[in-house]
Amino acid sequence: MIQKPKGWKALPISGLILEGGNSVGYETGSWRALRPVIDTEKCSHCMLCWLFCPDGSIKVRDSKVSGVDLRYCKGCGICAVECPRQVIEMLEESQLRKEA
């Protein structure tokens, strides 16, 4: 059975968090124009990228940076700016999609 779309009055007021932990259901990576690419060989694993990432997109395994969760990364570039070794490069998403 197909449900009829709800009208605007049924939508929650913007800015309300109706339940805790609901952010995992909102994959926002498709907004990205730039993608962080980490050179894990040169990374010192200082974790500053992880600390400053507003979306929690930096993946960590065994206390080391292991990559980026592109489902949630919006491409803001804060991780690249905060990286003291400059091992995070922000590359154009459209170019990376062409190469894939």
C-alpha atoms as a PDB file:
ATOM      1  CA  MET A   1       0.000   0.000   0.000  1.00  0.00           C
ATOM      2  CA  ILE A   2       1.388   3.393  -0.989  1.00  0.00           C
ATOM      3  CA  GLN A   3       1.220   5.999   1.745  1.00  0.00           C
ATOM      4  CA  LYS A   4       0.013   9.438   0.856  1.00  0.00           C
ATOM      5  CA  PRO A   5       2.693  12.092   1.544  1.00  0.00           C
ATOM      6  CA  LYS A   6       2.126  14.039   4.730  1.00  0.00           C
ATOM      7  CA  GLY A   7       1.193  17.667   4.474  1.00  0.00           C
ATOM      8  CA  TRP A   8       3.425  20.437   5.731  1.00  0.00           C
ATOM      9  CA  LYS A   9       1.544  20.607   9.041  1.00  0.00           C
ATOM     10  CA  ALA A  10       2.688  17.059   9.867  1.00  0.00           C
ATOM     11  CA  LEU A  11       6.371  17.979   9.558  1.00  0.00           C
ATOM     12  CA  PRO A  12       8.312  18.670  12.769  1.00  0.00           C
ATOM     13  CA  ILE A  13       9.420  22.237  13.435  1.00  0.00           C
ATOM     14  CA  SER A  14      12.935  22.640  12.061  1.00  0.00           C
ATOM     15  CA  GLY A  15      15.762  22.521  14.535  1.00  0.00           C
ATOM     16  CA  LEU A  16      14.045  20.049  16.848  1.00  0.00           C
ATOM     17  CA  ILE A  17      15.757  16.812  17.729  1.00  0.00           C
ATOM     18  CA  LEU A  18      12.907  14.412  18.238  1.00  0.00           C
ATOM     19  CA  GLU A  19      15.044  11.525  19.471  1.00  0.00           C
ATOM     20  CA  GLY A  20      18.633  11.007  20.567  1.00  0.00           C
ATOM     21  CA  GLY A  21      21.128   9.349  18.224  1.00  0.00           C
ATOM     22  CA  ASN A  22      19.132  10.079  15.079  1.00  0.00           C
ATOM     23  CA  SER A  23      22.018  11.621  13.131  1.00  0.00           C
ATOM     24  CA  VAL A  24      23.219   8.208  11.908  1.00  0.00           C
ATOM     25  CA  GLY A  25      20.061   8.021   9.813  1.00  0.00           C
ATOM     26  CA  TYR A  26      20.956  11.163   7.865  1.00  0.00           C
ATOM     27  CA  GLU A  27      23.711  10.414   5.408  1.00  0.00           C
ATOM     28  CA  THR A  28      24.866  13.822   4.179  1.00  0.00           C
ATOM     29  CA  GLY A  29      27.930  12.931   2.103  1.00  0.00           C
ATOM     30  CA  SER A  30      26.154  13.677  -1.163  1.00  0.00           C
ATOM     31  CA  TRP A  31      26.391  17.405  -0.373  1.00  0.00           C
ATOM     32  CA  ARG A  32      30.141  17.330  -0.744  1.00  0.00           C
ATOM     33  CA  ALA A  33      32.010  19.208  -3.510  1.00  0.00           C
ATOM     34  CA  LEU A  34      35.468  18.428  -2.078  1.00  0.00           C
ATOM     35  CA  ARG A  35      36.635  15.119  -0.613  1.00  0.00           C
ATOM     36  CA  PRO A  36      39.414  14.698   1.965  1.00  0.00           C
ATOM     37  CA  VAL A  37      42.071  12.216   0.909  1.00  0.00           C
ATOM     38  CA  ILE A  38      44.452  11.178   3.695  1.00  0.00           C
ATOM     39  CA  ASP A  39      47.972   9.947   3.040  1.00  0.00           C
ATOM     40  CA  THR A  40      47.961   7.400   5.867  1.00  0.00           C
ATOM     41  CA  GLU A  41      51.632   6.549   5.237  1.00  0.00           C
ATOM     42  CA  LYS A  42      52.721  10.101   6.166  1.00  0.00           C
ATOM     43  CA  CYS A  43      50.074  10.584   8.888  1.00  0.00           C
ATOM     44  CA  SER A  44      51.433  10.805  12.456  1.00  0.00           C
ATOM     45  CA  HIS A  45      47.988   9.838  13.843  1.00  0.00           C
ATOM     46  CA  CYS A  46      47.865  12.892  16.097  1.00  0.00           C
ATOM     47  CA  MET A  47      44.044  12.689  15.854  1.00  0.00           C
ATOM     48  CA  LEU A  48      43.550  16.439  15.370  1.00  0.00           C
ATOM     49  CA  CYS A  49      41.497  15.753  12.231  1.00  0.00           C
ATOM     50  CA  TRP A  50      39.264  13.426  14.249  1.00  0.00           C
ATOM     51  CA  LEU A  51      38.979  15.943  17.080  1.00  0.00           C
ATOM     52  CA  PHE A  52      38.002  18.882  14.844  1.00  0.00           C
ATOM     53  CA  CYS A  53      35.733  17.059  12.351  1.00  0.00           C
ATOM     54  CA  PRO A  54      32.233  18.453  13.012  1.00  0.00           C
ATOM     55  CA  ASP A  55      30.590  15.351  11.541  1.00  0.00           C
ATOM     56  CA  GLY A  56      32.659  12.602  13.154  1.00  0.00           C
ATOM     57  CA  SER A  57      33.634  11.376   9.700  1.00  0.00           C
ATOM     58  CA  ILE A  58      37.249  10.496  10.459  1.00  0.00           C
ATOM     59  CA  LYS A  59      37.567   6.730  10.905  1.00  0.00           C
ATOM     60  CA  VAL A  60      39.871   5.427  13.623  1.00  0.00           C
ATOM     61  CA  ARG A  61      41.083   1.872  14.107  1.00  0.00           C
ATOM     62  CA  ASP A  62      43.518   0.777  16.816  1.00  0.00           C
ATOM     63  CA  SER A  63      44.113   4.423  17.831  1.00  0.00           C
ATOM     64  CA  LYS A  64      45.154   5.356  14.270  1.00  0.00           C
ATOM     65  CA  VAL A  65      43.407   7.335  11.560  1.00  0.00           C
ATOM     66  CA  SER A  66      42.238   4.818   8.986  1.00  0.00           C
ATOM     67  CA  GLY A  67      40.185   6.912   6.561  1.00  0.00           C
ATOM     68  CA  VAL A  68      37.050   8.994   6.113  1.00  0.00           C
ATOM     69  CA  ASP A  69      33.417   7.891   6.340  1.00  0.00           C
ATOM     70  CA  LEU A  70      32.189   9.474   3.124  1.00  0.00           C
ATOM     71  CA  ARG A  71      28.544   8.799   4.000  1.00  0.00           C
ATOM     72  CA  TYR A  72      28.678  11.713   6.457  1.00  0.00           C
ATOM     73  CA  CYS A  73      31.597  13.882   5.317  1.00  0.00           C
ATOM     74  CA  LYS A  74      30.354  17.186   3.898  1.00  0.00           C
ATOM     75  CA  GLY A  75      33.760  18.230   2.552  1.00  0.00           C
ATOM     76  CA  CYS A  76      34.201  21.278   4.782  1.00  0.00           C
ATOM     77  CA  GLY A  77      37.997  20.863   4.852  1.00  0.00           C
ATOM     78  CA  ILE A  78      38.446  21.537   8.567  1.00  0.00           C
ATOM     79  CA  CYS A  79      40.407  18.290   8.868  1.00  0.00           C
ATOM     80  CA  ALA A  80      42.865  19.446   6.188  1.00  0.00           C
ATOM     81  CA  VAL A  81      43.297  22.875   7.792  1.00  0.00           C
ATOM     82  CA  GLU A  82      43.931  21.411  11.247  1.00  0.00           C
ATOM     83  CA  CYS A  83      46.365  18.704  10.082  1.00  0.00           C
ATOM     84  CA  PRO A  84      49.840  19.804  11.286  1.00  0.00           C
ATOM     85  CA  ARG A  85      51.629  17.566   8.765  1.00  0.00           C
ATOM     86  CA  GLN A  86      49.377  18.594   5.848  1.00  0.00           C
ATOM     87  CA  VAL A  87      48.705  14.995   4.828  1.00  0.00           C
ATOM     88  CA  ILE A  88      45.019  15.624   4.083  1.00  0.00           C
ATOM     89  CA  GLU A  89      44.312  16.956   0.617  1.00  0.00           C
ATOM     90  CA  MET A  90      40.905  18.250  -0.432  1.00  0.00           C
ATOM     91  CA  LEU A  91      40.186  17.020  -3.961  1.00  0.00           C
ATOM     92  CA  GLU A  92      37.237  17.793  -6.209  1.00  0.00           C
ATOM     93  CA  GLU A  93      34.535  15.182  -5.793  1.00  0.00           C
ATOM     94  CA  SER A  94      33.518  15.357  -9.454  1.00  0.00           C
ATOM     95  CA  GLN A  95      37.063  14.570 -10.583  1.00  0.00           C
ATOM     96  CA  LEU A  96      37.346  11.605  -8.219  1.00  0.00           C
ATOM     97  CA  ARG A  97      34.027  10.185  -9.454  1.00  0.00           C
ATOM     98  CA  LYS A  98      35.251  10.347 -13.055  1.00  0.00           C
ATOM     99  CA  GLU A  99      38.403   8.411 -12.143  1.00  0.00           C
ATOM    100  CA  ALA A 100      36.495   5.675 -10.260  1.00  0.00           C
END
